[in-house]
């Protein structure tokens, strides 16, 4: 995939790295992170990424806004995994 489709974030911005476990969401790996270029510090989910040292490269096509920083704790695991799965489907189009 073309390098112009990727952006980097510092690993300190990663909140969690996990895999969907909810039935029907196809065991997709995902990152939840604070977007460093968003002035509102919005939480995003990404399913096409690579962590290298102190940075992570994320593909713009597999990225989705999740919520504001203060709302993250209120989300259920299923809500997060649904957005991760939908992020994967967005990028696969």
PDB file of N, CA and C in Angstrom:
ATOM      1  N   UNK A   1       0.850  -1.174   0.000  1.00  0.00           N
ATOM      2  CA  UNK A   1       0.000   0.000   0.000  1.00  0.00           C
ATOM      3  C   UNK A   1       0.899   1.242   0.000  1.00  0.00           C
ATOM      4  N   UNK A   2       0.483   2.268  -0.701  1.00  0.00           N
ATOM      5  CA  UNK A   2       1.215   3.524  -0.841  1.00  0.00           C
ATOM      6  C   UNK A   2       1.463   4.168   0.526  1.00  0.00           C
ATOM      7  N   UNK A   3       2.709   4.627   0.769  1.00  0.00           N
ATOM      8  CA  UNK A   3       3.087   5.261   2.035  1.00  0.00           C
ATOM      9  C   UNK A   3       2.258   6.502   2.337  1.00  0.00           C
ATOM     10  N   UNK A   4       1.708   7.153   1.306  1.00  0.00           N
ATOM     11  CA  UNK A   4       0.931   8.372   1.539  1.00  0.00           C
ATOM     12  C   UNK A   4      -0.394   8.074   2.248  1.00  0.00           C
ATOM     13  N   UNK A   5      -0.770   6.811   2.342  1.00  0.00           N
ATOM     14  CA  UNK A   5      -2.001   6.423   3.025  1.00  0.00           C
ATOM     15  C   UNK A   5      -1.791   6.207   4.525  1.00  0.00           C
ATOM     16  N   UNK A   6      -0.582   6.442   5.005  1.00  0.00           N
ATOM     17  CA  UNK A   6      -0.251   6.198   6.405  1.00  0.00           C
ATOM     18  C   UNK A   6       0.134   7.483   7.126  1.00  0.00           C
ATOM     19  N   UNK A   7      -0.106   7.501   8.420  1.00  0.00           N
ATOM     20  CA  UNK A   7       0.375   8.580   9.269  1.00  0.00           C
ATOM     21  C   UNK A   7       0.940   7.939  10.528  1.00  0.00           C
ATOM     22  N   UNK A   8       1.777   8.682  11.239  1.00  0.00           N
ATOM     23  CA  UNK A   8       2.425   8.149  12.427  1.00  0.00           C
ATOM     24  C   UNK A   8       1.876   8.798  13.686  1.00  0.00           C
ATOM     25  N   UNK A   9       1.851   7.996  14.739  1.00  0.00           N
ATOM     26  CA  UNK A   9       1.516   8.519  16.065  1.00  0.00           C
ATOM     27  C   UNK A   9       2.571   8.001  17.037  1.00  0.00           C
ATOM     28  N   UNK A  10       2.826   8.736  18.109  1.00  0.00           N
ATOM     29  CA  UNK A  10       3.726   8.209  19.144  1.00  0.00           C
ATOM     30  C   UNK A  10       3.032   7.085  19.908  1.00  0.00           C
ATOM     31  N   UNK A  11       3.781   6.079  20.338  1.00  0.00           N
ATOM     32  CA  UNK A  11       3.177   4.953  21.046  1.00  0.00           C
ATOM     33  C   UNK A  11       2.515   5.390  22.354  1.00  0.00           C
ATOM     34  N   UNK A  12       2.927   6.528  22.907  1.00  0.00           N
ATOM     35  CA  UNK A  12       2.302   7.025  24.140  1.00  0.00           C
ATOM     36  C   UNK A  12       0.821   7.340  23.931  1.00  0.00           C
ATOM     37  N   UNK A  13       0.408   7.548  22.681  1.00  0.00           N
ATOM     38  CA  UNK A  13      -0.989   7.866  22.386  1.00  0.00           C
ATOM     39  C   UNK A  13      -1.878   6.622  22.320  1.00  0.00           C
ATOM     40  N   UNK A  14      -1.275   5.443  22.332  1.00  0.00           N
ATOM     41  CA  UNK A  14      -2.052   4.200  22.272  1.00  0.00           C
ATOM     42  C   UNK A  14      -2.664   3.912  23.641  1.00  0.00           C
ATOM     43  N   UNK A  15      -3.969   3.733  23.649  1.00  0.00           N
ATOM     44  CA  UNK A  15      -4.686   3.399  24.878  1.00  0.00           C
ATOM     45  C   UNK A  15      -4.738   1.893  25.046  1.00  0.00           C
ATOM     46  N   UNK A  16      -5.011   1.185  23.954  1.00  0.00           N
ATOM     47  CA  UNK A  16      -5.025  -0.276  24.019  1.00  0.00           C
ATOM     48  C   UNK A  16      -4.818  -0.869  22.632  1.00  0.00           C
ATOM     49  N   UNK A  17      -4.273  -2.059  22.635  1.00  0.00           N
ATOM     50  CA  UNK A  17      -4.162  -2.883  21.429  1.00  0.00           C
ATOM     51  C   UNK A  17      -4.847  -4.191  21.780  1.00  0.00           C
ATOM     52  N   UNK A  18      -5.776  -4.604  20.936  1.00  0.00           N
ATOM     53  CA  UNK A  18      -6.548  -5.801  21.257  1.00  0.00           C
ATOM     54  C   UNK A  18      -7.014  -6.477  19.974  1.00  0.00           C
ATOM     55  N   UNK A  19      -7.919  -7.414  20.124  1.00  0.00           N
ATOM     56  CA  UNK A  19      -8.509  -8.140  19.003  1.00  0.00           C
ATOM     57  C   UNK A  19      -9.997  -8.312  19.286  1.00  0.00           C
ATOM     58  N   UNK A  20     -10.814  -8.183  18.240  1.00  0.00           N
ATOM     59  CA  UNK A  20     -12.254  -8.364  18.444  1.00  0.00           C
ATOM     60  C   UNK A  20     -12.522  -9.808  18.846  1.00  0.00           C
ATOM     61  N   UNK A  21     -13.354  -9.963  19.850  1.00  0.00           N
ATOM     62  CA  UNK A  21     -13.712 -11.287  20.339  1.00  0.00           C
ATOM     63  C   UNK A  21     -15.225 -11.520  20.271  1.00  0.00           C
ATOM     64  N   UNK A  22     -15.980 -10.447  20.035  1.00  0.00           N
ATOM     65  CA  UNK A  22     -17.432 -10.555  19.939  1.00  0.00           C
ATOM     66  C   UNK A  22     -17.797 -11.371  18.703  1.00  0.00           C
ATOM     67  N   UNK A  23     -18.702 -12.281  18.854  1.00  0.00           N
ATOM     68  CA  UNK A  23     -19.136 -13.141  17.752  1.00  0.00           C
ATOM     69  C   UNK A  23     -19.602 -12.293  16.559  1.00  0.00           C
ATOM     70  N   UNK A  24     -19.122 -12.640  15.391  1.00  0.00           N
ATOM     71  CA  UNK A  24     -19.504 -11.938  14.167  1.00  0.00           C
ATOM     72  C   UNK A  24     -18.546 -10.840  13.748  1.00  0.00           C
ATOM     73  N   UNK A  25     -17.552 -10.538  14.587  1.00  0.00           N
ATOM     74  CA  UNK A  25     -16.622  -9.453  14.261  1.00  0.00           C
ATOM     75  C   UNK A  25     -15.262  -9.951  13.778  1.00  0.00           C
ATOM     76  N   UNK A  26     -15.150 -11.216  13.470  1.00  0.00           N
ATOM     77  CA  UNK A  26     -14.033 -11.798  12.695  1.00  0.00           C
ATOM     78  C   UNK A  26     -12.630 -11.662  13.270  1.00  0.00           C
ATOM     79  N   UNK A  27     -12.463 -11.571  14.565  1.00  0.00           N
ATOM     80  CA  UNK A  27     -11.120 -11.549  15.184  1.00  0.00           C
ATOM     81  C   UNK A  27     -10.150 -10.578  14.517  1.00  0.00           C
ATOM     82  N   UNK A  28     -10.503  -9.317  14.465  1.00  0.00           N
ATOM     83  CA  UNK A  28      -9.648  -8.278  13.867  1.00  0.00           C
ATOM     84  C   UNK A  28      -8.811  -7.601  14.948  1.00  0.00           C
ATOM     85  N   UNK A  29      -7.495  -7.463  14.685  1.00  0.00           N
ATOM     86  CA  UNK A  29      -6.621  -6.703  15.584  1.00  0.00           C
ATOM     87  C   UNK A  29      -6.967  -5.224  15.451  1.00  0.00           C
ATOM     88  N   UNK A  30      -6.869  -4.499  16.553  1.00  0.00           N
ATOM     89  CA  UNK A  30      -7.135  -3.071  16.491  1.00  0.00           C
ATOM     90  C   UNK A  30      -6.367  -2.305  17.564  1.00  0.00           C
ATOM     91  N   UNK A  31      -6.193  -1.022  17.282  1.00  0.00           N
ATOM     92  CA  UNK A  31      -5.619  -0.070  18.230  1.00  0.00           C
ATOM     93  C   UNK A  31      -6.678   0.947  18.594  1.00  0.00           C
ATOM     94  N   UNK A  32      -6.715   1.338  19.845  1.00  0.00           N
ATOM     95  CA  UNK A  32      -7.504   2.483  20.285  1.00  0.00           C
ATOM     96  C   UNK A  32      -6.475   3.509  20.730  1.00  0.00           C
ATOM     97  N   UNK A  33      -6.600   4.723  20.245  1.00  0.00           N
ATOM     98  CA  UNK A  33      -5.572   5.725  20.532  1.00  0.00           C
ATOM     99  C   UNK A  33      -6.159   7.134  20.551  1.00  0.00           C
ATOM    100  N   UNK A  34      -5.400   8.042  21.149  1.00  0.00           N
ATOM    101  CA  UNK A  34      -5.736   9.463  21.127  1.00  0.00           C
ATOM    102  C   UNK A  34      -5.099  10.037  19.870  1.00  0.00           C
ATOM    103  N   UNK A  35      -5.913  10.623  19.011  1.00  0.00           N
ATOM    104  CA  UNK A  35      -5.414  11.158  17.744  1.00  0.00           C
ATOM    105  C   UNK A  35      -4.585  12.421  18.019  1.00  0.00           C
ATOM    106  N   UNK A  36      -3.297  12.412  17.677  1.00  0.00           N
ATOM    107  CA  UNK A  36      -2.430  13.548  18.020  1.00  0.00           C
ATOM    108  C   UNK A  36      -2.679  14.810  17.190  1.00  0.00           C
ATOM    109  N   UNK A  37      -3.368  14.682  16.066  1.00  0.00           N
ATOM    110  CA  UNK A  37      -3.577  15.838  15.187  1.00  0.00           C
ATOM    111  C   UNK A  37      -4.987  16.399  15.306  1.00  0.00           C
ATOM    112  N   UNK A  38      -5.751  15.912  16.261  1.00  0.00           N
ATOM    113  CA  UNK A  38      -7.114  16.370  16.486  1.00  0.00           C
ATOM    114  C   UNK A  38      -7.100  17.310  17.693  1.00  0.00           C
ATOM    115  N   UNK A  39      -7.477  18.561  17.490  1.00  0.00           N
ATOM    116  CA  UNK A  39      -7.421  19.545  18.568  1.00  0.00           C
ATOM    117  C   UNK A  39      -8.345  19.183  19.734  1.00  0.00           C
ATOM    118  N   UNK A  40      -9.362  18.366  19.485  1.00  0.00           N
ATOM    119  CA  UNK A  40     -10.286  17.934  20.553  1.00  0.00           C
ATOM    120  C   UNK A  40      -9.785  16.686  21.267  1.00  0.00           C
ATOM    121  N   UNK A  41      -8.635  16.152  20.844  1.00  0.00           N
ATOM    122  CA  UNK A  41      -8.042  14.934  21.417  1.00  0.00           C
ATOM    123  C   UNK A  41      -9.041  13.776  21.397  1.00  0.00           C
ATOM    124  N   UNK A  42      -9.630  13.572  20.241  1.00  0.00           N
ATOM    125  CA  UNK A  42     -10.631  12.519  20.057  1.00  0.00           C
ATOM    126  C   UNK A  42      -9.967  11.139  20.053  1.00  0.00           C
ATOM    127  N   UNK A  43     -10.716  10.162  20.554  1.00  0.00           N
ATOM    128  CA  UNK A  43     -10.268   8.772  20.555  1.00  0.00           C
ATOM    129  C   UNK A  43     -10.648   8.151  19.213  1.00  0.00           C
ATOM    130  N   UNK A  44      -9.695   7.420  18.611  1.00  0.00           N
ATOM    131  CA  UNK A  44      -9.918   6.741  17.334  1.00  0.00           C
ATOM    132  C   UNK A  44      -9.634   5.259  17.492  1.00  0.00           C
ATOM    133  N   UNK A  45     -10.115   4.484  16.526  1.00  0.00           N
ATOM    134  CA  UNK A  45      -9.809   3.061  16.438  1.00  0.00           C
ATOM    135  C   UNK A  45      -9.253   2.811  15.033  1.00  0.00           C
ATOM    136  N   UNK A  46      -8.240   1.936  14.941  1.00  0.00           N
ATOM    137  CA  UNK A  46      -7.600   1.653  13.660  1.00  0.00           C
ATOM    138  C   UNK A  46      -7.312   0.159  13.571  1.00  0.00           C
ATOM    139  N   UNK A  47      -7.549  -0.429  12.395  1.00  0.00           N
ATOM    140  CA  UNK A  47      -7.345  -1.872  12.223  1.00  0.00           C
ATOM    141  C   UNK A  47      -6.270  -2.231  11.201  1.00  0.00           C
ATOM    142  N   UNK A  48      -5.539  -1.245  10.706  1.00  0.00           N
ATOM    143  CA  UNK A  48      -4.446  -1.539   9.769  1.00  0.00           C
ATOM    144  C   UNK A  48      -3.268  -0.687  10.195  1.00  0.00           C
ATOM    145  N   UNK A  49      -2.388  -1.285  10.973  1.00  0.00           N
ATOM    146  CA  UNK A  49      -1.305  -0.525  11.590  1.00  0.00           C
ATOM    147  C   UNK A  49      -0.079  -1.406  11.792  1.00  0.00           C
ATOM    148  N   UNK A  50       1.017  -0.722  12.121  1.00  0.00           N
ATOM    149  CA  UNK A  50       2.278  -1.408  12.409  1.00  0.00           C
ATOM    150  C   UNK A  50       3.010  -0.565  13.457  1.00  0.00           C
ATOM    151  N   UNK A  51       3.384  -1.200  14.555  1.00  0.00           N
ATOM    152  CA  UNK A  51       4.139  -0.520  15.606  1.00  0.00           C
ATOM    153  C   UNK A  51       5.612  -0.790  15.380  1.00  0.00           C
ATOM    154  N   UNK A  52       6.392   0.308  15.361  1.00  0.00           N
ATOM    155  CA  UNK A  52       7.836   0.190  15.145  1.00  0.00           C
ATOM    156  C   UNK A  52       8.542   1.110  16.137  1.00  0.00           C
ATOM    157  N   UNK A  53       9.102   0.513  17.165  1.00  0.00           N
ATOM    158  CA  UNK A  53       9.804   1.306  18.168  1.00  0.00           C
ATOM    159  C   UNK A  53       8.853   2.225  18.919  1.00  0.00           C
ATOM    160  N   UNK A  54       9.122   3.514  18.852  1.00  0.00           N
ATOM    161  CA  UNK A  54       8.341   4.504  19.596  1.00  0.00           C
ATOM    162  C   UNK A  54       7.214   5.132  18.785  1.00  0.00           C
ATOM    163  N   UNK A  55       6.976   4.601  17.569  1.00  0.00           N
ATOM    164  CA  UNK A  55       5.890   5.131  16.743  1.00  0.00           C
ATOM    165  C   UNK A  55       5.032   3.990  16.197  1.00  0.00           C
ATOM    166  N   UNK A  56       3.835   4.354  15.799  1.00  0.00           N
ATOM    167  CA  UNK A  56       2.943   3.410  15.129  1.00  0.00           C
ATOM    168  C   UNK A  56       2.530   4.044  13.813  1.00  0.00           C
ATOM    169  N   UNK A  57       2.568   3.276  12.739  1.00  0.00           N
ATOM    170  CA  UNK A  57       2.089   3.730  11.437  1.00  0.00           C
ATOM    171  C   UNK A  57       0.670   3.210  11.262  1.00  0.00           C
ATOM    172  N   UNK A  58      -0.268   4.117  10.953  1.00  0.00           N
ATOM    173  CA  UNK A  58      -1.673   3.760  10.816  1.00  0.00           C
ATOM    174  C   UNK A  58      -2.173   4.156   9.435  1.00  0.00           C
ATOM    175  N   UNK A  59      -2.982   3.296   8.832  1.00  0.00           N
ATOM    176  CA  UNK A  59      -3.543   3.574   7.515  1.00  0.00           C
ATOM    177  C   UNK A  59      -4.804   4.426   7.665  1.00  0.00           C
ATOM    178  N   UNK A  60      -4.877   5.482   6.885  1.00  0.00           N
ATOM    179  CA  UNK A  60      -6.008   6.407   6.972  1.00  0.00           C
ATOM    180  C   UNK A  60      -7.328   5.752   6.590  1.00  0.00           C
ATOM    181  N   UNK A  61      -7.306   4.749   5.746  1.00  0.00           N
ATOM    182  CA  UNK A  61      -8.540   4.115   5.275  1.00  0.00           C
ATOM    183  C   UNK A  61      -9.165   3.165   6.298  1.00  0.00           C
ATOM    184  N   UNK A  62      -8.387   2.772   7.297  1.00  0.00           N
ATOM    185  CA  UNK A  62      -8.858   1.842   8.318  1.00  0.00           C
ATOM    186  C   UNK A  62      -8.988   2.535   9.671  1.00  0.00           C
ATOM    187  N   UNK A  63      -9.242   3.818   9.646  1.00  0.00           N
ATOM    188  CA  UNK A  63      -9.287   4.636  10.851  1.00  0.00           C
ATOM    189  C   UNK A  63     -10.677   5.213  11.048  1.00  0.00           C
ATOM    190  N   UNK A  64     -11.124   5.235  12.290  1.00  0.00           N
ATOM    191  CA  UNK A  64     -12.463   5.721  12.593  1.00  0.00           C
ATOM    192  C   UNK A  64     -12.467   6.464  13.909  1.00  0.00           C
ATOM    193  N   UNK A  65     -13.160   7.615  13.950  1.00  0.00           N
ATOM    194  CA  UNK A  65     -13.354   8.326  15.203  1.00  0.00           C
ATOM    195  C   UNK A  65     -14.265   7.505  16.100  1.00  0.00           C
ATOM    196  N   UNK A  66     -13.925   7.448  17.364  1.00  0.00           N
ATOM    197  CA  UNK A  66     -14.680   6.625  18.307  1.00  0.00           C
ATOM    198  C   UNK A  66     -15.498   7.492  19.263  1.00  0.00           C
ATOM    199  N   UNK A  67     -14.845   8.427  19.939  1.00  0.00           N
ATOM    200  CA  UNK A  67     -15.548   9.268  20.912  1.00  0.00           C
ATOM    201  C   UNK A  67     -14.590  10.325  21.435  1.00  0.00           C
ATOM    202  N   UNK A  68     -15.105  11.181  22.288  1.00  0.00           N
ATOM    203  CA  UNK A  68     -14.261  12.139  22.975  1.00  0.00           C
ATOM    204  C   UNK A  68     -13.500  11.456  24.097  1.00  0.00           C
ATOM    205  N   UNK A  69     -12.432  12.069  24.535  1.00  0.00           N
ATOM    206  CA  UNK A  69     -11.568  11.499  25.567  1.00  0.00           C
ATOM    207  C   UNK A  69     -12.343  11.168  26.845  1.00  0.00           C
ATOM    208  N   UNK A  70     -13.267  12.023  27.250  1.00  0.00           N
ATOM    209  CA  UNK A  70     -14.004  11.801  28.492  1.00  0.00           C
ATOM    210  C   UNK A  70     -15.079  10.718  28.360  1.00  0.00           C
ATOM    211  N   UNK A  71     -15.479  10.366  27.141  1.00  0.00           N
ATOM    212  CA  UNK A  71     -16.526   9.368  26.937  1.00  0.00           C
ATOM    213  C   UNK A  71     -16.002   7.944  26.794  1.00  0.00           C
ATOM    214  N   UNK A  72     -14.705   7.777  26.645  1.00  0.00           N
ATOM    215  CA  UNK A  72     -14.135   6.454  26.376  1.00  0.00           C
ATOM    216  C   UNK A  72     -14.485   5.435  27.461  1.00  0.00           C
ATOM    217  N   UNK A  73     -14.390   5.829  28.714  1.00  0.00           N
ATOM    218  CA  UNK A  73     -14.663   4.910  29.827  1.00  0.00           C
ATOM    219  C   UNK A  73     -16.105   4.402  29.823  1.00  0.00           C
ATOM    220  N   UNK A  74     -17.011   5.124  29.187  1.00  0.00           N
ATOM    221  CA  UNK A  74     -18.429   4.755  29.172  1.00  0.00           C
ATOM    222  C   UNK A  74     -18.765   3.715  28.095  1.00  0.00           C
ATOM    223  N   UNK A  75     -17.846   3.498  27.150  1.00  0.00           N
ATOM    224  CA  UNK A  75     -18.111   2.566  26.050  1.00  0.00           C
ATOM    225  C   UNK A  75     -17.994   1.118  26.515  1.00  0.00           C
ATOM    226  N   UNK A  76     -18.878   0.285  26.019  1.00  0.00           N
ATOM    227  CA  UNK A  76     -18.778  -1.148  26.313  1.00  0.00           C
ATOM    228  C   UNK A  76     -17.758  -1.774  25.366  1.00  0.00           C
ATOM    229  N   UNK A  77     -17.279  -2.936  25.724  1.00  0.00           N
ATOM    230  CA  UNK A  77     -16.338  -3.677  24.868  1.00  0.00           C
ATOM    231  C   UNK A  77     -16.986  -3.951  23.514  1.00  0.00           C
ATOM    232  N   UNK A  78     -18.270  -4.280  23.515  1.00  0.00           N
ATOM    233  CA  UNK A  78     -18.962  -4.567  22.259  1.00  0.00           C
ATOM    234  C   UNK A  78     -19.017  -3.324  21.369  1.00  0.00           C
ATOM    235  N   UNK A  79     -19.251  -2.147  21.952  1.00  0.00           N
ATOM    236  CA  UNK A  79     -19.269  -0.903  21.172  1.00  0.00           C
ATOM    237  C   UNK A  79     -17.918  -0.649  20.525  1.00  0.00           C
ATOM    238  N   UNK A  80     -16.854  -0.849  21.279  1.00  0.00           N
ATOM    239  CA  UNK A  80     -15.506  -0.638  20.754  1.00  0.00           C
ATOM    240  C   UNK A  80     -15.219  -1.637  19.642  1.00  0.00           C
ATOM    241  N   UNK A  81     -15.560  -2.890  19.869  1.00  0.00           N
ATOM    242  CA  UNK A  81     -15.297  -3.923  18.866  1.00  0.00           C
ATOM    243  C   UNK A  81     -16.146  -3.721  17.614  1.00  0.00           C
ATOM    244  N   UNK A  82     -17.359  -3.232  17.764  1.00  0.00           N
ATOM    245  CA  UNK A  82     -18.195  -2.945  16.593  1.00  0.00           C
ATOM    246  C   UNK A  82     -17.536  -1.861  15.731  1.00  0.00           C
ATOM    247  N   UNK A  83     -17.020  -0.825  16.370  1.00  0.00           N
ATOM    248  CA  UNK A  83     -16.353   0.241  15.625  1.00  0.00           C
ATOM    249  C   UNK A  83     -15.046  -0.256  14.990  1.00  0.00           C
ATOM    250  N   UNK A  84     -14.341  -1.146  15.685  1.00  0.00           N
ATOM    251  CA  UNK A  84     -13.127  -1.736  15.110  1.00  0.00           C
ATOM    252  C   UNK A  84     -13.473  -2.556  13.871  1.00  0.00           C
ATOM    253  N   UNK A  85     -14.501  -3.367  13.970  1.00  0.00           N
ATOM    254  CA  UNK A  85     -14.926  -4.176  12.816  1.00  0.00           C
ATOM    255  C   UNK A  85     -15.364  -3.274  11.667  1.00  0.00           C
ATOM    256  N   UNK A  86     -16.141  -2.238  11.971  1.00  0.00           N
ATOM    257  CA  UNK A  86     -16.598  -1.304  10.927  1.00  0.00           C
ATOM    258  C   UNK A  86     -15.419  -0.559  10.319  1.00  0.00           C
ATOM    259  N   UNK A  87     -14.407  -0.257  11.105  1.00  0.00           N
ATOM    260  CA  UNK A  87     -13.186   0.378  10.592  1.00  0.00           C
ATOM    261  C   UNK A  87     -12.516  -0.539   9.561  1.00  0.00           C
ATOM    262  N   UNK A  88     -12.471  -1.829   9.882  1.00  0.00           N
ATOM    263  CA  UNK A  88     -11.898  -2.800   8.940  1.00  0.00           C
ATOM    264  C   UNK A  88     -12.699  -2.847   7.651  1.00  0.00           C
ATOM    265  N   UNK A  89     -14.017  -2.869   7.777  1.00  0.00           N
ATOM    266  CA  UNK A  89     -14.888  -2.917   6.602  1.00  0.00           C
ATOM    267  C   UNK A  89     -14.749  -1.639   5.765  1.00  0.00           C
ATOM    268  N   UNK A  90     -14.602  -0.473   6.416  1.00  0.00           N
ATOM    269  CA  UNK A  90     -14.384   0.790   5.683  1.00  0.00           C
ATOM    270  C   UNK A  90     -13.150   0.683   4.800  1.00  0.00           C
ATOM    271  N   UNK A  91     -12.066   0.191   5.370  1.00  0.00           N
ATOM    272  CA  UNK A  91     -10.815   0.108   4.640  1.00  0.00           C
ATOM    273  C   UNK A  91     -10.815  -0.946   3.551  1.00  0.00           C
ATOM    274  N   UNK A  92     -11.610  -1.982   3.735  1.00  0.00           N
ATOM    275  CA  UNK A  92     -11.648  -3.078   2.773  1.00  0.00           C
ATOM    276  C   UNK A  92     -12.428  -2.727   1.502  1.00  0.00           C
ATOM    277  N   UNK A  93     -13.157  -1.614   1.534  1.00  0.00           N
ATOM    278  CA  UNK A  93     -13.976  -1.226   0.368  1.00  0.00           C
ATOM    279  C   UNK A  93     -13.123  -0.793  -0.794  1.00  0.00           C
TER     280      UNK A  93
END
